[in-house]
Amino acid sequence: MPALATRAPAKINLTLHVLGRRPGDGYHALESLVVFAGSSAGDLLTLEPGPALDLVVTGPTAGPAGPLDDNLVMRAARHLAAEVPGLAVGRFRLVKRLPVAAGIGGGSSDAAGALRLLGRLNGLSPDHPTLMAAARRTGADVPVCLDPRARMMRGAGEAVGPALPLPPMPAVLINPGVPVETAPVFRALGLKVGEAHPLAAETHPAVDGLSGLDALFARIAPARNDLEAPALTVAPVIGDTLAALRDQADCRLARMSGSGATVFGLFGHRSAAVRAARTIAAAQPGWWVRATLLR
């Protein structure tokens, strides 16, 4: 059987509201509007059917991806194999292009891609409950990446809403090359177990039924990423990347994604996003800068 392939796109949190810390498990309860990047910002994963589960990682960010045995691709495959007796497997080949520990769910998107490929190999439908169960066991961001389309994510990532028909958004993504682990950012947020976030009572803006980019940008502009302020204390360079985006013509909104350090700028026109990416990349050659479409 020929190799199967899938893209593992960057996951972008257009909004990320922290509601508080749950009293039972201590996890932070979130409410987030999630979208995914186009072909310029993603990893590539293939699966060659074979007798044993294996993983080969190459690409410009393969080094920081960590030990192969602990890679989320392998974790996801093992979780699925535990649920499906006689699961057909093989060798995964991951071309790693996304920055690591960057707030854009690179590892989670890779894991979700592995589940999609194993599902295809084993005749499991994309919405098979076993795939979602394996995704939830693998990591908080894996369920929303399983079917990478715009949608709301709630709880600690386990509650995923239906796909939302948002218009494609021209955007620029920037990562300054500084890895930011999630745990220190949540610690800097400073919430105790059972404590609500001070802004938890504010309702997340609804984005259903919007027509056009202007309406969408106006709707999400008052929203926020509650992890942005604590992330700035961990990695102050995030402030420089946000300032670089806000200085660009036609940038309608600049905000951090996830727990950082990647930030995004939304633009009214694709040509403006491409120009902005070129300008910023020329001024900061050490930064990872990509123009893309979010949807």
Protein backbone atom coordinates (compact mmCIF):
# COMPACT_ATOMS: atom_id res chain seq x y z
CA MET A 1 0.00 0.00 0.00
CA PRO A 2 1.42 3.45 -0.88
CA ALA A 3 2.30 5.97 1.82
CA LEU A 4 -0.47 8.16 3.19
CA ALA A 5 0.12 11.88 3.77
CA THR A 6 -1.46 14.79 5.62
CA ARG A 7 -0.62 18.36 6.57
CA ALA A 8 -0.35 19.32 10.23
CA PRO A 9 -1.21 23.04 10.16
CA ALA A 10 -0.40 25.59 12.83
CA LYS A 11 -3.24 26.13 15.31
CA ILE A 12 -3.94 29.78 16.11
CA ASN A 13 -5.97 30.97 19.09
CA LEU A 14 -7.73 34.09 17.81
CA THR A 15 -9.09 34.46 21.34
CA LEU A 16 -8.21 32.71 24.58
CA HIS A 17 -10.28 33.49 27.66
CA VAL A 18 -9.26 31.82 30.92
CA LEU A 19 -12.37 31.24 33.01
CA GLY A 20 -10.56 29.94 36.10
CA ARG A 21 -8.99 26.85 37.63
CA ARG A 22 -11.27 23.89 38.10
CA PRO A 23 -11.64 22.75 41.73
CA GLY A 24 -11.49 19.04 40.92
CA ASP A 25 -8.42 18.54 38.73
CA GLY A 26 -6.83 21.99 38.97
CA TYR A 27 -6.78 22.43 35.19
CA HIS A 28 -7.42 25.88 33.76
CA ALA A 29 -10.83 26.13 32.09
CA LEU A 30 -10.60 27.97 28.77
CA GLU A 31 -12.83 29.35 26.04
CA SER A 32 -11.01 29.88 22.75
CA LEU A 33 -11.78 30.58 19.11
CA VAL A 34 -9.33 28.43 17.16
CA VAL A 35 -8.39 28.63 13.47
CA PHE A 36 -5.73 26.95 11.35
CA ALA A 37 -3.03 28.23 9.02
CA GLY A 38 -2.64 27.57 5.31
CA SER A 39 0.10 25.67 3.51
CA SER A 40 2.89 28.13 4.34
CA ALA A 41 2.71 27.32 8.07
CA GLY A 42 2.53 23.63 8.86
CA ASP A 43 4.35 20.34 9.22
CA LEU A 44 4.07 17.40 6.81
CA LEU A 45 3.38 13.87 8.03
CA THR A 46 3.40 10.64 6.03
CA LEU A 47 2.71 7.06 7.05
CA GLU A 48 4.31 4.09 5.31
CA PRO A 49 2.34 0.95 6.28
CA GLY A 50 4.57 -1.67 7.89
CA PRO A 51 4.87 -4.26 10.63
CA ALA A 52 6.04 -1.93 13.41
CA LEU A 53 5.36 1.55 14.72
CA ASP A 54 8.26 3.90 14.00
CA LEU A 55 8.98 7.60 13.54
CA VAL A 56 11.59 9.55 11.57
CA VAL A 57 11.75 13.33 12.05
CA THR A 58 13.49 15.70 9.63
CA GLY A 59 13.13 19.35 8.73
CA PRO A 60 14.41 22.71 9.97
CA THR A 61 12.95 22.37 13.49
CA ALA A 62 13.53 18.63 13.92
CA GLY A 63 16.23 19.17 16.56
CA PRO A 64 14.09 20.95 19.17
CA ALA A 65 11.24 18.45 18.66
CA GLY A 66 12.65 16.23 21.45
CA PRO A 67 13.15 12.47 21.85
CA LEU A 68 11.37 10.38 19.23
CA ASP A 69 9.92 7.95 21.73
CA ASP A 70 8.20 10.81 23.59
CA ASN A 71 6.97 12.56 20.46
CA LEU A 72 3.21 13.22 20.45
CA VAL A 73 2.92 11.34 17.16
CA MET A 74 4.09 8.17 18.90
CA ARG A 75 1.96 8.83 21.98
CA ALA A 76 -1.18 9.28 19.88
CA ALA A 77 -0.48 6.10 17.91
CA ARG A 78 0.03 4.10 21.10
CA HIS A 79 -3.20 5.43 22.62
CA LEU A 80 -5.11 4.41 19.50
CA ALA A 81 -3.43 1.00 19.39
CA ALA A 82 -4.53 0.40 22.99
CA GLU A 83 -8.15 0.96 21.91
CA VAL A 84 -8.10 -0.89 18.57
CA PRO A 85 -6.85 -4.51 18.73
CA GLY A 86 -4.71 -5.42 15.73
CA LEU A 87 -4.32 -1.79 14.64
CA ALA A 88 -2.39 -1.57 11.36
CA VAL A 89 0.61 0.72 11.85
CA GLY A 90 3.85 1.63 10.09
CA ARG A 91 6.61 4.21 9.90
CA PHE A 92 5.73 7.87 10.27
CA ARG A 93 7.92 10.46 8.56
CA LEU A 94 7.50 13.93 10.01
CA VAL A 95 8.93 16.98 8.26
CA LYS A 96 9.06 19.49 11.09
CA ARG A 97 8.78 23.12 9.97
CA LEU A 98 6.85 24.79 12.78
CA PRO A 99 8.71 26.25 15.76
CA VAL A 100 8.54 24.17 18.95
CA ALA A 101 7.02 25.37 22.26
CA ALA A 102 5.52 28.23 20.30
CA GLY A 103 1.83 28.43 21.24
CA ILE A 104 0.64 27.19 17.83
CA GLY A 105 0.04 23.54 18.69
CA GLY A 106 2.71 22.08 16.41
CA GLY A 107 3.11 18.86 18.36
CA SER A 108 -0.64 18.56 18.90
CA SER A 109 -1.33 19.07 15.20
CA ASP A 110 1.27 16.40 14.38
CA ALA A 111 -0.43 13.99 16.80
CA ALA A 112 -3.84 14.72 15.28
CA GLY A 113 -2.37 14.11 11.83
CA ALA A 114 -1.06 10.74 12.99
CA LEU A 115 -4.54 9.77 14.17
CA ARG A 116 -6.06 10.85 10.86
CA LEU A 117 -3.56 8.71 8.92
CA LEU A 118 -4.05 5.69 11.16
CA GLY A 119 -7.78 6.13 10.81
CA ARG A 120 -7.50 6.06 7.01
CA LEU A 121 -5.20 3.04 7.12
CA ASN A 122 -7.62 1.12 9.36
CA GLY A 123 -10.90 2.16 7.79
CA LEU A 124 -11.98 4.36 10.72
CA SER A 125 -14.18 7.29 9.72
CA PRO A 126 -12.80 10.76 10.55
CA ASP A 127 -15.49 11.19 13.22
CA HIS A 128 -14.95 7.75 14.77
CA PRO A 129 -15.24 8.14 18.57
CA THR A 130 -12.10 6.06 19.12
CA LEU A 131 -10.02 8.69 17.29
CA MET A 132 -11.41 11.44 19.53
CA ALA A 133 -10.81 9.33 22.64
CA ALA A 134 -7.16 8.81 21.64
CA ALA A 135 -6.84 12.53 20.89
CA ARG A 136 -8.10 13.48 24.35
CA ARG A 137 -5.68 11.05 26.03
CA THR A 138 -2.75 12.48 24.04
CA GLY A 139 -2.98 16.17 24.88
CA ALA A 140 -5.25 19.15 25.54
CA ASP A 141 -4.93 20.68 22.05
CA VAL A 142 -5.10 17.43 20.06
CA PRO A 143 -8.94 17.14 19.90
CA VAL A 144 -9.38 20.55 18.24
CA CYS A 145 -6.64 19.68 15.72
CA LEU A 146 -8.22 16.36 14.72
CA ASP A 147 -10.41 18.09 12.11
CA PRO A 148 -8.49 21.36 11.55
CA ARG A 149 -11.24 23.87 10.86
CA ALA A 150 -12.33 27.02 12.71
CA ARG A 151 -14.25 26.17 15.88
CA MET A 152 -14.63 26.96 19.57
CA MET A 153 -12.66 24.98 22.14
CA ARG A 154 -13.71 24.90 25.78
CA GLY A 155 -12.79 23.36 29.12
CA ALA A 156 -9.24 22.05 29.25
CA GLY A 157 -9.48 21.32 25.52
CA GLU A 158 -11.80 18.34 25.77
CA ALA A 159 -14.94 20.17 24.55
CA VAL A 160 -14.78 20.98 20.83
CA GLY A 161 -17.59 22.82 19.07
CA PRO A 162 -18.85 22.44 15.49
CA ALA A 163 -16.92 23.85 12.54
CA LEU A 164 -17.54 27.55 11.94
CA PRO A 165 -17.76 28.96 8.38
CA LEU A 166 -15.45 31.93 8.91
CA PRO A 167 -14.04 33.86 5.94
CA PRO A 168 -10.33 33.22 5.20
CA MET A 169 -8.24 35.74 7.13
CA PRO A 170 -4.97 37.10 5.67
CA ALA A 171 -2.43 36.96 8.48
CA VAL A 172 1.22 37.16 9.42
CA LEU A 173 2.66 34.80 12.04
CA ILE A 174 5.84 35.66 13.93
CA ASN A 175 7.88 33.62 16.36
CA PRO A 176 11.02 35.31 17.76
CA GLY A 177 12.88 32.03 18.21
CA VAL A 178 12.38 31.87 21.97
CA PRO A 179 10.67 28.67 23.18
CA VAL A 180 8.04 29.31 25.84
CA GLU A 181 6.82 26.38 27.93
CA THR A 182 3.15 26.46 28.85
CA ALA A 183 3.48 25.71 32.57
CA PRO A 184 5.45 28.86 33.56
CA VAL A 185 2.93 31.06 31.74
CA PHE A 186 -0.01 29.53 33.59
CA ARG A 187 1.91 29.87 36.86
CA ALA A 188 2.50 33.54 36.10
CA LEU A 189 -1.26 33.94 35.61
CA GLY A 190 -1.47 33.30 39.34
CA LEU A 191 -4.85 31.59 39.73
CA LYS A 192 -5.37 29.21 42.64
CA VAL A 193 -7.30 25.96 42.36
CA GLY A 194 -11.02 26.79 42.42
CA GLU A 195 -10.41 30.49 41.69
CA ALA A 196 -12.21 32.25 38.83
CA HIS A 197 -10.48 34.66 36.49
CA PRO A 198 -11.45 38.30 37.18
CA LEU A 199 -12.94 38.60 33.68
CA ALA A 200 -14.65 35.20 33.64
CA ALA A 201 -18.14 36.71 33.68
CA GLU A 202 -17.56 38.51 30.36
CA THR A 203 -19.28 36.64 27.54
CA HIS A 204 -17.15 35.47 24.64
CA PRO A 205 -18.28 37.17 21.41
CA ALA A 206 -20.35 34.99 19.08
CA VAL A 207 -18.98 34.66 15.55
CA ASP A 208 -21.78 32.67 13.91
CA GLY A 209 -23.38 34.10 10.79
CA LEU A 210 -20.87 36.89 10.17
CA SER A 211 -20.36 38.07 6.60
CA GLY A 212 -16.97 39.48 5.64
CA LEU A 213 -13.68 40.20 7.32
CA ASP A 214 -14.64 43.61 8.69
CA ALA A 215 -17.53 42.14 10.67
CA LEU A 216 -15.35 39.33 11.98
CA PHE A 217 -12.50 41.63 13.03
CA ALA A 218 -14.91 43.98 14.77
CA ARG A 219 -16.49 41.08 16.65
CA ILE A 220 -13.24 39.56 17.99
CA ALA A 221 -11.34 42.81 18.63
CA PRO A 222 -12.83 43.28 22.15
CA ALA A 223 -11.90 39.70 23.05
CA ARG A 224 -8.47 38.85 24.43
CA ASN A 225 -5.78 36.31 25.17
CA ASP A 226 -5.58 36.13 28.95
CA LEU A 227 -2.17 34.45 28.73
CA GLU A 228 -0.57 37.33 26.85
CA ALA A 229 0.26 39.45 29.90
CA PRO A 230 1.81 36.61 31.92
CA ALA A 231 3.70 35.39 28.83
CA LEU A 232 5.26 38.85 28.47
CA THR A 233 6.80 38.43 31.91
CA VAL A 234 8.31 35.11 30.81
CA ALA A 235 9.43 36.26 27.34
CA PRO A 236 9.44 40.08 26.99
CA VAL A 237 10.44 39.79 23.31
CA ILE A 238 6.79 38.97 22.61
CA GLY A 239 6.15 42.69 23.04
CA ASP A 240 8.63 43.44 20.25
CA THR A 241 6.89 41.09 17.83
CA LEU A 242 3.49 42.58 18.60
CA ALA A 243 4.87 46.09 18.07
CA ALA A 244 6.38 45.04 14.72
CA LEU A 245 2.98 43.84 13.54
CA ARG A 246 1.08 46.90 14.77
CA ASP A 247 3.47 49.13 12.83
CA GLN A 248 2.48 47.52 9.53
CA ALA A 249 -0.04 49.11 7.16
CA ASP A 250 -3.49 47.46 7.16
CA CYS A 251 -2.85 45.39 10.32
CA ARG A 252 -6.30 45.23 11.90
CA LEU A 253 -5.45 43.20 15.00
CA ALA A 254 -2.26 41.85 16.60
CA ARG A 255 -2.43 39.30 19.41
CA MET A 256 -0.51 36.38 20.89
CA SER A 257 -1.54 32.78 20.15
CA GLY A 258 -1.84 30.17 22.90
CA SER A 259 0.77 30.59 25.61
CA GLY A 260 3.28 32.18 23.21
CA ALA A 261 5.69 33.16 21.95
CA THR A 262 4.08 33.16 18.48
CA VAL A 263 1.94 36.18 17.65
CA PHE A 264 -0.36 36.86 14.72
CA GLY A 265 -1.47 39.94 12.85
CA LEU A 266 -4.75 40.00 10.91
CA PHE A 267 -4.90 42.04 7.70
CA GLY A 268 -7.69 43.23 5.46
CA HIS A 269 -5.95 42.12 2.27
CA ARG A 270 -3.63 39.23 1.44
CA SER A 271 -1.21 41.49 -0.44
CA ALA A 272 -0.80 43.66 2.67
CA ALA A 273 0.01 40.57 4.77
CA VAL A 274 2.63 39.43 2.25
CA ARG A 275 4.26 42.89 2.22
CA ALA A 276 4.26 43.04 6.01
CA ALA A 277 5.87 39.61 6.29
CA ARG A 278 8.62 40.62 3.86
CA THR A 279 9.27 43.87 5.72
CA ILE A 280 9.46 42.22 9.14
CA ALA A 281 11.58 39.29 7.93
CA ALA A 282 14.08 41.69 6.34
CA ALA A 283 14.33 43.72 9.55
CA GLN A 284 14.51 40.64 11.84
CA PRO A 285 16.21 37.78 9.93
CA GLY A 286 16.39 35.68 13.10
CA TRP A 287 12.62 35.58 13.50
CA TRP A 288 10.30 32.94 11.98
CA VAL A 289 7.87 34.98 9.87
CA ARG A 290 5.12 33.59 7.64
CA ALA A 291 2.28 35.16 5.64
CA THR A 292 -0.68 32.82 5.51
CA LEU A 293 -4.45 32.48 5.39
CA LEU A 294 -6.25 31.48 8.58
CA ARG A 295 -9.54 29.59 8.36
